[in-house]
C-alpha atoms as a PDB file:
ATOM      1  CA  MET A   1     111.604  57.903 108.944  1.00  0.00           C
ATOM      2  CA  PRO A   2     109.469  60.408 110.694  1.00  0.00           C
ATOM      3  CA  GLU A   3     112.645  61.893 112.065  1.00  0.00           C
ATOM      4  CA  ASP A   4     114.109  62.104 108.582  1.00  0.00           C
ATOM      5  CA  LEU A   5     111.033  63.811 107.397  1.00  0.00           C
ATOM      6  CA  SER A   6     111.123  66.161 110.313  1.00  0.00           C
ATOM      7  CA  VAL A   7     114.792  66.967 109.667  1.00  0.00           C
ATOM      8  CA  GLN A   8     114.068  67.451 105.989  1.00  0.00           C
ATOM      9  CA  ILE A   9     111.149  69.799 106.717  1.00  0.00           C
ATOM     10  CA  LEU A  10     113.274  71.650 109.224  1.00  0.00           C
ATOM     11  CA  SER A  11     116.090  71.958 106.679  1.00  0.00           C
ATOM     12  CA  GLN A  12     113.739  73.263 103.982  1.00  0.00           C
ATOM     13  CA  THR A  13     112.204  75.671 106.434  1.00  0.00           C
ATOM     14  CA  SER A  14     115.641  76.884 107.422  1.00  0.00           C
ATOM     15  CA  ASP A  15     116.580  77.304 103.739  1.00  0.00           C
ATOM     16  CA  ASN A  16     113.346  79.170 103.073  1.00  0.00           C
ATOM     17  CA  ILE A  17     113.961  81.437 106.071  1.00  0.00           C
ATOM     18  CA  GLN A  18     117.511  82.116 104.797  1.00  0.00           C
ATOM     19  CA  LYS A  19     116.149  82.900 101.312  1.00  0.00           C
ATOM     20  CA  LEU A  20     113.540  85.223 102.829  1.00  0.00           C
ATOM     21  CA  PHE A  21     116.265  86.918 104.867  1.00  0.00           C
ATOM     22  CA  ASP A  22     118.440  87.363 101.723  1.00  0.00           C
ATOM     23  CA  LEU A  23     115.445  88.648  99.790  1.00  0.00           C
ATOM     24  CA  SER A  24     114.541  91.146 102.504  1.00  0.00           C
ATOM     25  CA  THR A  25     118.196  92.288 102.617  1.00  0.00           C
ATOM     26  CA  ARG A  26     118.195  92.903  98.838  1.00  0.00           C
ATOM     27  CA  ILE A  27     114.871  94.720  99.106  1.00  0.00           C
ATOM     28  CA  ASP A  28     116.304  96.883 101.907  1.00  0.00           C
ATOM     29  CA  GLU A  29     119.359  97.680  99.759  1.00  0.00           C
ATOM     30  CA  ARG A  30     117.173  98.639  96.812  1.00  0.00           C
ATOM     31  CA  VAL A  31     114.918 100.797  98.988  1.00  0.00           C
ATOM     32  CA  LYS A  32     117.994 102.490 100.443  1.00  0.00           C
ATOM     33  CA  SER A  33     119.350 103.109  96.899  1.00  0.00           C
ATOM     34  CA  ILE A  34     115.977 104.523  95.819  1.00  0.00           C
ATOM     35  CA  GLN A  35     115.923 106.777  98.896  1.00  0.00           C
ATOM     36  CA  VAL A  36     119.410 108.105  98.051  1.00  0.00           C
ATOM     37  CA  LYS A  37     118.389 108.726  94.438  1.00  0.00           C
ATOM     38  CA  GLN A  38     115.186 110.408  95.627  1.00  0.00           C
ATOM     39  CA  GLY A  39     117.228 112.657  97.929  1.00  0.00           C
ATOM     40  CA  ASP A  40     119.494 113.649  95.035  1.00  0.00           C
ATOM     41  CA  LEU A  41     116.449 114.261  92.847  1.00  0.00           C
ATOM     42  CA  ASP A  42     114.877 116.401  95.586  1.00  0.00           C
ATOM     43  CA  ASP A  43     118.072 118.460  95.853  1.00  0.00           C
ATOM     44  CA  ARG A  44     118.166 118.973  92.097  1.00  0.00           C
ATOM     45  CA  MET A  45     114.473 119.903  92.026  1.00  0.00           C
ATOM     46  CA  ASN A  46     114.997 122.432  94.819  1.00  0.00           C
ATOM     47  CA  SER A  47     117.913 123.898  92.881  1.00  0.00           C
ATOM     48  CA  ILE A  48     115.792 124.128  89.726  1.00  0.00           C
ATOM     49  CA  VAL A  49     112.905 125.723  91.632  1.00  0.00           C
ATOM     50  CA  GLN A  50     115.277 128.252  93.195  1.00  0.00           C
ATOM     51  CA  SER A  51     116.792 129.075  89.791  1.00  0.00           C
ATOM     52  CA  HIS A  52     113.294 129.440  88.346  1.00  0.00           C
ATOM     53  CA  ASN A  53     112.290 131.817  91.141  1.00  0.00           C
ATOM     54  CA  GLU A  54     115.423 133.920  90.609  1.00  0.00           C
ATOM     55  CA  LEU A  55     114.721 134.038  86.890  1.00  0.00           C
ATOM     56  CA  MET A  56     111.132 135.095  87.497  1.00  0.00           C
ATOM     57  CA  GLN A  57     112.321 137.866  89.828  1.00  0.00           C
ATOM     58  CA  THR A  58     114.759 139.064  87.168  1.00  0.00           C
ATOM     59  CA  VAL A  59     112.003 139.095  84.565  1.00  0.00           C
ATOM     60  CA  ALA A  60     109.764 141.015  86.948  1.00  0.00           C
ATOM     61  CA  VAL A  61     112.504 143.585  87.491  1.00  0.00           C
ATOM     62  CA  LEU A  62     112.990 143.937  83.742  1.00  0.00           C
ATOM     63  CA  LYS A  63     109.295 144.476  83.285  1.00  0.00           C
ATOM     64  CA  SER A  64     109.184 146.992  86.096  1.00  0.00           C
ATOM     65  CA  SER A  65     108.351 150.612  85.555  1.00  0.00           C
ATOM     66  CA  THR A  66     112.008 151.616  85.802  1.00  0.00           C
ATOM     67  CA  GLN A  67     112.705 149.886  82.522  1.00  0.00           C
ATOM     68  CA  ALA A  68     109.489 151.190  81.011  1.00  0.00           C
ATOM     69  CA  ASP A  69     110.388 154.716  82.107  1.00  0.00           C
ATOM     70  CA  SER A  70     113.828 154.340  80.608  1.00  0.00           C
ATOM     71  CA  ILE A  71     112.348 153.230  77.305  1.00  0.00           C
ATOM     72  CA  GLU A  72     109.811 156.058  77.450  1.00  0.00           C
ATOM     73  CA  ASP A  73     112.613 158.568  78.123  1.00  0.00           C
ATOM     74  CA  CYS A  74     114.531 157.277  75.110  1.00  0.00           C
ATOM     75  CA  ARG A  75     111.412 157.587  72.971  1.00  0.00           C
ATOM     76  CA  LYS A  76     110.869 161.184  74.124  1.00  0.00           C
ATOM     77  CA  GLN A  77     114.506 162.038  73.387  1.00  0.00           C
ATOM     78  CA  ILE A  78     114.192 160.592  69.895  1.00  0.00           C
ATOM     79  CA  ILE A  79     111.035 162.657  69.273  1.00  0.00           C
ATOM     80  CA  GLU A  80     112.817 165.802  70.533  1.00  0.00           C
ATOM     81  CA  LEU A  81     115.818 165.097  68.268  1.00  0.00           C
ATOM     82  CA  ASP A  82     113.461 164.583  65.343  1.00  0.00           C
ATOM     83  CA  LYS A  83     111.829 167.960  66.006  1.00  0.00           C
ATOM     84  CA  ARG A  84     115.219 169.671  66.253  1.00  0.00           C
ATOM     85  CA  LEU A  85     116.326 168.050  62.998  1.00  0.00           C
ATOM     86  CA  ALA A  86     113.143 169.217  61.242  1.00  0.00           C
ATOM     87  CA  THR A  87     113.739 172.768  62.540  1.00  0.00           C
ATOM     88  CA  LEU A  88     117.337 172.639  61.360  1.00  0.00           C
ATOM     89  CA  GLU A  89     116.271 171.429  57.917  1.00  0.00           C
ATOM     90  CA  HIS A  90     113.705 174.220  57.674  1.00  0.00           C
ATOM     91  CA  THR A  91     116.304 176.817  58.695  1.00  0.00           C
ATOM     92  CA  SER A  92     118.770 175.357  56.222  1.00  0.00           C
ATOM     93  CA  LYS A  93     116.222 175.685  53.409  1.00  0.00           C
ATOM     94  CA  GLY A  94     115.721 179.338  54.410  1.00  0.00           C
ATOM     95  CA  PHE A  95     119.477 179.933  54.157  1.00  0.00           C
ATOM     96  CA  GLU A  96     119.579 178.195  50.778  1.00  0.00           C
ATOM     97  CA  SER A  97     116.772 180.461  49.571  1.00  0.00           C
ATOM     98  CA  ARG A  98     118.605 183.559  50.845  1.00  0.00           C
ATOM     99  CA  TRP A  99     121.849 182.520  49.172  1.00  0.00           C
ATOM    100  CA  GLY A 100     119.900 181.897  45.963  1.00  0.00           C
ATOM    101  CA  HIS A 101     118.464 185.400  46.085  1.00  0.00           C
ATOM    102  CA  ILE A 102     121.889 186.885  46.842  1.00  0.00           C
ATOM    103  CA  PHE A 103     123.441 184.960  43.953  1.00  0.00           C
ATOM    104  CA  LYS A 104     120.683 186.107  41.567  1.00  0.00           C
ATOM    105  CA  PHE A 105     121.158 189.713  42.736  1.00  0.00           C
ATOM    106  CA  VAL A 106     124.935 189.498  42.140  1.00  0.00           C
ATOM    107  CA  ILE A 107     124.440 187.985  38.668  1.00  0.00           C
ATOM    108  CA  ASN A 108     121.828 190.622  37.745  1.00  0.00           C
ATOM    109  CA  THR A 109     124.132 193.386  39.018  1.00  0.00           C
ATOM    110  CA  VAL A 110     127.026 191.998  36.971  1.00  0.00           C
ATOM    111  CA  TRP A 111     124.778 191.904  33.873  1.00  0.00           C
ATOM    112  CA  LEU A 112     123.653 195.455  34.536  1.00  0.00           C
ATOM    113  CA  ILE A 113     127.246 196.638  34.855  1.00  0.00           C
ATOM    114  CA  VAL A 114     128.265 194.764  31.683  1.00  0.00           C
ATOM    115  CA  GLY A 115     125.277 196.223  29.816  1.00  0.00           C
ATOM    116  CA  ALA A 116     126.053 199.762  31.057  1.00  0.00           C
ATOM    117  CA  TYR A 117     129.706 199.326  30.088  1.00  0.00           C
ATOM    118  CA  LEU A 118     128.734 198.172  26.569  1.00  0.00           C
ATOM    119  CA  LEU A 119     126.362 201.115  26.140  1.00  0.00           C
ATOM    120  CA  TYR A 120     129.075 203.469  27.296  1.00  0.00           C
ATOM    121  CA  LYS A 121     131.695 201.974  24.943  1.00  0.00           C
ATOM    122  CA  LEU A 122     129.325 201.967  22.014  1.00  0.00           C
ATOM    123  CA  GLY A 123     128.251 205.514  22.817  1.00  0.00           C
ATOM    124  CA  LEU A 124     124.577 204.642  22.951  1.00  0.00           C
ATOM    125  CA  GLN A 125     122.027 206.282  25.199  1.00  0.00           C
ATOM    126  CA  PRO A 126     120.303 204.058  27.691  1.00  0.00           C
ATOM    127  CA  PRO A 127     116.623 203.599  27.072  1.00  0.00           C
ATOM    128  CA  ALA A 128     114.278 205.947  28.898  1.00  0.00           C
ATOM    129  CA  ILE A 129     112.856 204.564  32.076  1.00  0.00           C
ATOM    130  CA  PRO A 130     109.190 205.352  32.482  1.00  0.00           C
END
């Protein structure tokens, strides 16, 4: 009986060792899977960090003085065009005023000629001019 007990203990110990070996193999497989996933995650994180850095460089370039100068140049050109337009409008008003005076002069001259013609036809003397 002691031999049976010894064989039984040895058998259980062997089974326990086999179970421990299987368990350690599964743990190793899971650790290896986690390491692979961690490597993929590291690669993706590096890619994201690189993309972020490139984006930040692009933003820095856009904020650079070259862009600000370009915007400032556009603003100055718009102000200059506004001044030229105001000058043109002022000149145009001057021409309108001149044409108005010319038109009034022509109308008054026509009236004067019509009045002189009527006086002549009616045989009347023009009034004395003081």
